[in-house]
N, C-alpha and C. Protein backbone atom coordinates (compact mmCIF):
# COMPACT_ATOMS: atom_id res chain seq x y z
N MET A 1 -0.10 -32.58 -15.82
CA MET A 1 0.97 -32.74 -14.85
C MET A 1 1.03 -34.20 -14.44
N SER A 2 2.23 -34.71 -14.32
CA SER A 2 2.35 -36.13 -13.95
C SER A 2 2.13 -36.29 -12.46
N GLU A 3 1.91 -37.53 -12.05
CA GLU A 3 1.62 -37.84 -10.65
C GLU A 3 2.78 -37.51 -9.72
N THR A 4 4.03 -37.63 -10.20
CA THR A 4 5.19 -37.43 -9.34
C THR A 4 5.67 -35.99 -9.30
N ALA A 5 5.30 -35.18 -10.26
CA ALA A 5 5.76 -33.79 -10.30
C ALA A 5 5.06 -32.97 -9.21
N MET A 6 5.84 -32.09 -8.58
CA MET A 6 5.31 -31.22 -7.55
C MET A 6 4.61 -30.02 -8.20
N PRO A 7 3.51 -29.59 -7.63
CA PRO A 7 2.84 -28.40 -8.19
C PRO A 7 3.74 -27.16 -8.05
N ASP A 8 3.62 -26.25 -8.97
CA ASP A 8 4.36 -24.99 -8.93
C ASP A 8 3.54 -24.01 -8.09
N TRP A 9 3.78 -24.04 -6.78
CA TRP A 9 2.96 -23.25 -5.86
C TRP A 9 3.12 -21.76 -6.05
N ALA A 10 4.28 -21.32 -6.51
CA ALA A 10 4.47 -19.89 -6.76
C ALA A 10 3.54 -19.42 -7.88
N SER A 11 3.46 -20.22 -8.95
CA SER A 11 2.56 -19.87 -10.06
C SER A 11 1.10 -19.96 -9.63
N ILE A 12 0.80 -20.97 -8.85
CA ILE A 12 -0.58 -21.15 -8.37
C ILE A 12 -0.98 -19.95 -7.53
N ARG A 13 -0.08 -19.55 -6.63
CA ARG A 13 -0.38 -18.40 -5.77
C ARG A 13 -0.57 -17.13 -6.61
N GLU A 14 0.29 -16.93 -7.59
CA GLU A 14 0.19 -15.75 -8.45
C GLU A 14 -1.15 -15.73 -9.19
N GLU A 15 -1.55 -16.86 -9.72
CA GLU A 15 -2.83 -16.95 -10.42
C GLU A 15 -3.99 -16.70 -9.47
N TYR A 16 -3.88 -17.25 -8.25
CA TYR A 16 -4.96 -17.13 -7.28
C TYR A 16 -5.10 -15.69 -6.79
N GLU A 17 -3.99 -15.13 -6.32
CA GLU A 17 -4.04 -13.77 -5.78
C GLU A 17 -4.28 -12.73 -6.86
N GLY A 18 -3.83 -13.02 -8.08
CA GLY A 18 -4.03 -12.10 -9.19
C GLY A 18 -5.41 -12.23 -9.81
N ARG A 19 -6.18 -13.18 -9.30
CA ARG A 19 -7.55 -13.42 -9.81
C ARG A 19 -7.55 -13.68 -11.31
N GLN A 20 -6.51 -14.40 -11.76
CA GLN A 20 -6.42 -14.70 -13.19
C GLN A 20 -7.41 -15.77 -13.61
N PHE A 21 -7.69 -16.70 -12.68
CA PHE A 21 -8.62 -17.79 -12.96
C PHE A 21 -9.44 -18.06 -11.70
N LEU A 22 -10.56 -18.69 -11.87
CA LEU A 22 -11.34 -19.14 -10.72
C LEU A 22 -10.57 -20.26 -10.01
N PRO A 23 -10.75 -20.41 -8.70
CA PRO A 23 -10.03 -21.46 -7.98
C PRO A 23 -10.19 -22.85 -8.59
N THR A 24 -11.38 -23.18 -9.05
CA THR A 24 -11.58 -24.51 -9.65
C THR A 24 -10.77 -24.67 -10.93
N VAL A 25 -10.65 -23.60 -11.69
CA VAL A 25 -9.87 -23.63 -12.93
C VAL A 25 -8.38 -23.77 -12.59
N ILE A 26 -7.93 -23.06 -11.57
CA ILE A 26 -6.53 -23.15 -11.13
C ILE A 26 -6.21 -24.60 -10.72
N CYS A 27 -7.12 -25.19 -9.96
CA CYS A 27 -6.92 -26.59 -9.53
C CYS A 27 -6.81 -27.53 -10.72
N ARG A 28 -7.69 -27.35 -11.68
CA ARG A 28 -7.69 -28.21 -12.86
C ARG A 28 -6.41 -27.99 -13.67
N ARG A 29 -5.98 -26.73 -13.82
CA ARG A 29 -4.78 -26.42 -14.60
C ARG A 29 -3.52 -27.02 -13.99
N HIS A 30 -3.47 -27.08 -12.66
CA HIS A 30 -2.26 -27.52 -11.98
C HIS A 30 -2.36 -28.93 -11.39
N GLY A 31 -3.49 -29.57 -11.57
CA GLY A 31 -3.66 -30.95 -11.11
C GLY A 31 -3.66 -31.08 -9.60
N ILE A 32 -4.29 -30.13 -8.93
CA ILE A 32 -4.39 -30.19 -7.46
C ILE A 32 -5.86 -30.18 -7.08
N SER A 33 -6.14 -30.55 -5.84
CA SER A 33 -7.52 -30.54 -5.38
C SER A 33 -7.84 -29.18 -4.76
N VAL A 34 -9.12 -28.90 -4.62
CA VAL A 34 -9.56 -27.66 -3.98
C VAL A 34 -9.08 -27.65 -2.53
N ALA A 35 -9.07 -28.81 -1.88
CA ALA A 35 -8.60 -28.91 -0.49
C ALA A 35 -7.11 -28.55 -0.39
N GLN A 36 -6.32 -29.00 -1.35
CA GLN A 36 -4.89 -28.66 -1.36
C GLN A 36 -4.69 -27.15 -1.53
N LEU A 37 -5.46 -26.57 -2.42
CA LEU A 37 -5.39 -25.12 -2.64
C LEU A 37 -5.77 -24.38 -1.37
N ARG A 38 -6.87 -24.78 -0.76
CA ARG A 38 -7.35 -24.14 0.47
C ARG A 38 -6.32 -24.26 1.58
N TYR A 39 -5.75 -25.46 1.74
CA TYR A 39 -4.75 -25.69 2.78
C TYR A 39 -3.54 -24.77 2.59
N ARG A 40 -3.01 -24.73 1.38
CA ARG A 40 -1.83 -23.91 1.10
C ARG A 40 -2.16 -22.43 1.31
N ARG A 41 -3.33 -22.02 0.85
CA ARG A 41 -3.75 -20.62 1.01
C ARG A 41 -3.82 -20.24 2.49
N GLU A 42 -4.38 -21.10 3.31
CA GLU A 42 -4.52 -20.81 4.73
C GLU A 42 -3.18 -20.87 5.46
N MET A 43 -2.34 -21.82 5.13
CA MET A 43 -1.05 -21.98 5.81
C MET A 43 -0.07 -20.85 5.47
N GLU A 44 -0.14 -20.35 4.24
CA GLU A 44 0.80 -19.31 3.81
C GLU A 44 0.19 -17.91 3.85
N GLY A 45 -1.08 -17.81 4.23
CA GLY A 45 -1.70 -16.49 4.35
C GLY A 45 -1.87 -15.75 3.04
N TRP A 46 -2.30 -16.47 2.01
CA TRP A 46 -2.51 -15.84 0.72
C TRP A 46 -3.65 -14.84 0.81
N LEU A 47 -3.61 -13.84 -0.06
CA LEU A 47 -4.67 -12.87 -0.17
C LEU A 47 -5.92 -13.59 -0.68
N SER A 48 -7.01 -13.43 0.01
CA SER A 48 -8.25 -14.10 -0.37
C SER A 48 -8.72 -13.64 -1.74
N ALA A 49 -9.29 -14.54 -2.48
CA ALA A 49 -9.84 -14.19 -3.79
C ALA A 49 -11.01 -13.22 -3.64
N ARG A 50 -11.61 -13.21 -2.47
CA ARG A 50 -12.74 -12.30 -2.23
C ARG A 50 -12.28 -10.94 -1.70
N ALA A 51 -11.03 -10.86 -1.27
CA ALA A 51 -10.53 -9.61 -0.69
C ALA A 51 -10.52 -8.51 -1.73
N ARG A 52 -10.87 -7.32 -1.28
CA ARG A 52 -10.88 -6.17 -2.17
C ARG A 52 -9.47 -5.59 -2.20
N VAL A 53 -8.89 -5.54 -3.38
CA VAL A 53 -7.55 -4.99 -3.53
C VAL A 53 -7.68 -3.46 -3.50
N PRO A 54 -6.93 -2.80 -2.60
CA PRO A 54 -7.07 -1.35 -2.50
C PRO A 54 -6.63 -0.67 -3.79
N LYS A 55 -7.36 0.35 -4.15
CA LYS A 55 -7.05 1.11 -5.35
C LYS A 55 -6.06 2.22 -5.00
N GLN A 56 -5.38 2.72 -6.00
CA GLN A 56 -4.38 3.78 -5.82
C GLN A 56 -4.98 4.98 -5.08
N ALA A 57 -6.16 5.40 -5.49
CA ALA A 57 -6.79 6.56 -4.87
C ALA A 57 -7.09 6.31 -3.40
N ASP A 58 -7.47 5.07 -3.06
CA ASP A 58 -7.74 4.72 -1.67
C ASP A 58 -6.49 4.84 -0.82
N LEU A 59 -5.38 4.34 -1.35
CA LEU A 59 -4.11 4.39 -0.62
C LEU A 59 -3.65 5.82 -0.40
N VAL A 60 -3.78 6.65 -1.43
CA VAL A 60 -3.38 8.05 -1.31
C VAL A 60 -4.27 8.76 -0.29
N ALA A 61 -5.57 8.50 -0.33
CA ALA A 61 -6.48 9.13 0.63
C ALA A 61 -6.14 8.71 2.06
N ARG A 62 -5.85 7.43 2.25
CA ARG A 62 -5.47 6.94 3.59
C ARG A 62 -4.17 7.59 4.06
N MET A 63 -3.22 7.72 3.15
CA MET A 63 -1.94 8.32 3.52
C MET A 63 -2.12 9.80 3.86
N LEU A 64 -2.99 10.49 3.16
CA LEU A 64 -3.26 11.90 3.49
C LEU A 64 -3.87 12.02 4.89
N LYS A 65 -4.71 11.06 5.26
CA LYS A 65 -5.28 11.07 6.61
C LYS A 65 -4.20 10.86 7.66
N VAL A 66 -3.26 9.95 7.37
CA VAL A 66 -2.14 9.71 8.29
C VAL A 66 -1.32 10.98 8.45
N LEU A 67 -1.04 11.66 7.33
CA LEU A 67 -0.27 12.90 7.39
C LEU A 67 -1.01 13.97 8.19
N ASP A 68 -2.30 14.08 7.97
CA ASP A 68 -3.09 15.07 8.71
C ASP A 68 -3.03 14.79 10.21
N LYS A 69 -3.15 13.54 10.58
CA LYS A 69 -3.08 13.17 12.00
C LYS A 69 -1.72 13.51 12.59
N GLN A 70 -0.65 13.24 11.82
CA GLN A 70 0.70 13.54 12.30
C GLN A 70 0.91 15.04 12.45
N ILE A 71 0.38 15.82 11.52
CA ILE A 71 0.50 17.28 11.61
C ILE A 71 -0.23 17.80 12.85
N ARG A 72 -1.41 17.28 13.10
CA ARG A 72 -2.16 17.69 14.31
C ARG A 72 -1.38 17.33 15.57
N LYS A 73 -0.73 16.18 15.54
CA LYS A 73 0.07 15.75 16.69
C LYS A 73 1.24 16.71 16.90
N LEU A 74 1.87 17.11 15.80
CA LEU A 74 2.96 18.07 15.89
C LEU A 74 2.48 19.41 16.46
N GLU A 75 1.33 19.84 16.01
CA GLU A 75 0.78 21.12 16.49
C GLU A 75 0.47 21.07 17.97
N ALA A 76 0.03 19.92 18.45
CA ALA A 76 -0.36 19.80 19.86
C ALA A 76 0.85 19.64 20.78
N ALA A 77 1.97 19.23 20.26
CA ALA A 77 3.15 18.94 21.08
C ALA A 77 4.00 20.20 21.22
N VAL A 78 3.55 21.14 22.04
CA VAL A 78 4.26 22.42 22.16
C VAL A 78 5.49 22.32 23.05
N ASN A 79 5.52 21.42 24.02
CA ASN A 79 6.64 21.33 24.95
C ASN A 79 7.56 20.15 24.67
N GLU A 80 7.32 19.43 23.60
CA GLU A 80 8.12 18.25 23.27
C GLU A 80 9.05 18.57 22.10
N PRO A 81 10.21 17.89 22.07
CA PRO A 81 11.08 18.08 20.90
C PRO A 81 10.39 17.53 19.66
N ILE A 82 10.49 18.27 18.59
CA ILE A 82 9.74 17.86 17.39
C ILE A 82 10.59 17.12 16.38
N ASP A 83 11.87 16.97 16.64
CA ASP A 83 12.75 16.34 15.64
C ASP A 83 12.27 14.95 15.25
N LYS A 84 11.96 14.13 16.24
CA LYS A 84 11.54 12.76 15.95
C LYS A 84 10.23 12.76 15.18
N GLN A 85 9.27 13.57 15.63
CA GLN A 85 7.98 13.63 14.94
C GLN A 85 8.13 14.20 13.53
N ALA A 86 9.02 15.17 13.38
CA ALA A 86 9.25 15.74 12.05
C ALA A 86 9.86 14.68 11.12
N ASN A 87 10.74 13.84 11.66
CA ASN A 87 11.32 12.76 10.84
C ASN A 87 10.26 11.75 10.42
N VAL A 88 9.35 11.43 11.33
CA VAL A 88 8.25 10.53 10.99
C VAL A 88 7.40 11.14 9.89
N LEU A 89 7.11 12.42 10.02
CA LEU A 89 6.32 13.12 9.03
C LEU A 89 7.03 13.13 7.67
N ALA A 90 8.33 13.35 7.67
CA ALA A 90 9.09 13.35 6.42
C ALA A 90 9.02 11.98 5.74
N THR A 91 9.12 10.92 6.54
CA THR A 91 9.02 9.57 6.00
C THR A 91 7.64 9.33 5.40
N GLN A 92 6.62 9.82 6.08
CA GLN A 92 5.26 9.64 5.58
C GLN A 92 5.05 10.40 4.28
N VAL A 93 5.63 11.58 4.17
CA VAL A 93 5.51 12.35 2.93
C VAL A 93 6.22 11.62 1.79
N LYS A 94 7.37 11.01 2.07
CA LYS A 94 8.07 10.21 1.05
C LYS A 94 7.20 9.04 0.60
N THR A 95 6.50 8.42 1.55
CA THR A 95 5.61 7.32 1.20
C THR A 95 4.49 7.80 0.29
N LEU A 96 3.92 8.95 0.63
CA LEU A 96 2.87 9.52 -0.21
C LEU A 96 3.41 9.83 -1.60
N ASP A 97 4.59 10.40 -1.68
CA ASP A 97 5.21 10.68 -2.99
C ASP A 97 5.35 9.40 -3.80
N LYS A 98 5.78 8.32 -3.15
CA LYS A 98 5.97 7.04 -3.85
C LYS A 98 4.63 6.51 -4.36
N LEU A 99 3.59 6.62 -3.53
CA LEU A 99 2.26 6.17 -3.97
C LEU A 99 1.80 6.96 -5.18
N ILE A 100 2.02 8.25 -5.15
CA ILE A 100 1.62 9.10 -6.28
C ILE A 100 2.45 8.74 -7.51
N GLU A 101 3.73 8.53 -7.31
CA GLU A 101 4.61 8.15 -8.42
C GLU A 101 4.16 6.83 -9.05
N LEU A 102 3.80 5.85 -8.22
CA LEU A 102 3.34 4.57 -8.73
C LEU A 102 2.05 4.74 -9.53
N GLY A 103 1.18 5.62 -9.08
CA GLY A 103 -0.05 5.87 -9.81
C GLY A 103 0.21 6.53 -11.14
N ALA A 104 1.22 7.42 -11.16
CA ALA A 104 1.55 8.12 -12.41
C ALA A 104 2.21 7.20 -13.42
N ALA A 105 2.78 6.09 -12.95
CA ALA A 105 3.46 5.17 -13.85
C ALA A 105 2.49 4.35 -14.68
N LYS A 106 1.24 4.34 -14.29
CA LYS A 106 0.25 3.58 -15.05
C LYS A 106 -0.11 4.33 -16.33
N PRO A 107 -0.36 3.63 -17.42
CA PRO A 107 -0.71 4.30 -18.66
C PRO A 107 -2.06 5.01 -18.55
N ASN A 108 -2.15 6.15 -19.20
CA ASN A 108 -3.37 6.94 -19.27
C ASN A 108 -3.87 7.42 -17.91
N VAL A 109 -2.98 7.53 -16.94
CA VAL A 109 -3.35 8.03 -15.63
C VAL A 109 -2.48 9.22 -15.32
N GLU A 110 -3.12 10.35 -15.08
CA GLU A 110 -2.35 11.54 -14.73
C GLU A 110 -1.96 11.46 -13.26
N PRO A 111 -0.79 11.98 -12.93
CA PRO A 111 -0.39 11.96 -11.52
C PRO A 111 -1.30 12.87 -10.70
N ALA A 112 -1.33 12.59 -9.40
CA ALA A 112 -2.10 13.46 -8.52
C ALA A 112 -1.51 14.86 -8.64
N SER A 113 -2.32 15.83 -8.38
CA SER A 113 -1.93 17.22 -8.55
C SER A 113 -0.64 17.53 -7.80
N ARG A 114 0.37 17.94 -8.55
CA ARG A 114 1.64 18.33 -7.93
C ARG A 114 1.47 19.64 -7.17
N LYS A 115 0.50 20.46 -7.59
CA LYS A 115 0.23 21.71 -6.89
C LYS A 115 -0.20 21.40 -5.46
N ASP A 116 -1.06 20.40 -5.29
CA ASP A 116 -1.50 20.01 -3.96
C ASP A 116 -0.32 19.57 -3.10
N MET A 117 0.59 18.80 -3.68
CA MET A 117 1.76 18.34 -2.93
C MET A 117 2.66 19.50 -2.57
N THR A 118 2.84 20.45 -3.49
CA THR A 118 3.67 21.62 -3.22
C THR A 118 3.06 22.45 -2.10
N ASP A 119 1.75 22.63 -2.14
CA ASP A 119 1.06 23.37 -1.08
C ASP A 119 1.22 22.67 0.27
N LEU A 120 1.08 21.35 0.27
CA LEU A 120 1.23 20.58 1.51
C LEU A 120 2.63 20.72 2.07
N ARG A 121 3.62 20.62 1.20
CA ARG A 121 5.01 20.78 1.66
C ARG A 121 5.26 22.17 2.23
N ALA A 122 4.72 23.19 1.55
CA ALA A 122 4.91 24.57 2.02
C ALA A 122 4.28 24.75 3.40
N LYS A 123 3.10 24.18 3.60
CA LYS A 123 2.44 24.27 4.91
C LYS A 123 3.26 23.56 5.98
N LEU A 124 3.82 22.39 5.62
CA LEU A 124 4.63 21.65 6.59
C LEU A 124 5.88 22.44 6.98
N VAL A 125 6.54 23.02 5.99
CA VAL A 125 7.74 23.82 6.27
C VAL A 125 7.39 25.00 7.16
N LYS A 126 6.29 25.66 6.86
CA LYS A 126 5.86 26.82 7.65
C LYS A 126 5.58 26.41 9.09
N ARG A 127 4.87 25.30 9.28
CA ARG A 127 4.56 24.85 10.64
C ARG A 127 5.80 24.42 11.39
N MET A 128 6.72 23.77 10.70
CA MET A 128 7.95 23.34 11.37
C MET A 128 8.77 24.56 11.79
N GLU A 129 8.79 25.59 10.96
CA GLU A 129 9.51 26.81 11.32
C GLU A 129 8.85 27.49 12.52
N GLN A 130 7.53 27.45 12.58
CA GLN A 130 6.82 28.01 13.73
C GLN A 130 7.18 27.27 15.00
N PHE A 131 7.29 25.95 14.94
CA PHE A 131 7.65 25.18 16.12
C PHE A 131 9.09 25.47 16.55
N LYS A 132 9.98 25.59 15.59
CA LYS A 132 11.37 25.88 15.94
C LYS A 132 11.52 27.25 16.57
N ALA A 133 10.66 28.18 16.19
CA ALA A 133 10.72 29.55 16.73
C ALA A 133 10.22 29.61 18.17
N ARG A 134 9.52 28.60 18.65
CA ARG A 134 8.98 28.62 20.03
C ARG A 134 10.05 28.50 21.06
């Protein structure tokens, strides 16, 4: 890289956050100093090279916990209108579906059990009907 050319920070960030190269190698490839890399990383809030990238299974497990908490909240709210909480729950289920779909898009990875999702939906519908009947 010539002295007057600006570094391609988008590429540098992609290499850094994607852990494609060690930081020293990235600096050498792009003609920047370690201090410049550190400064840009800190100012723009880049994902640390040491940060653990969450795995698909971790995200799905966390989302299931969120759904469980929301269902418990719905069950406890006997005197409150449930429409808003039911809408939140529906949004969370869509998020879980998207996470599962993204996992299924990877090669050689089977999607999470659709039977489990069908059972969860059936339980949600049953509980919502119970609340509406109150």
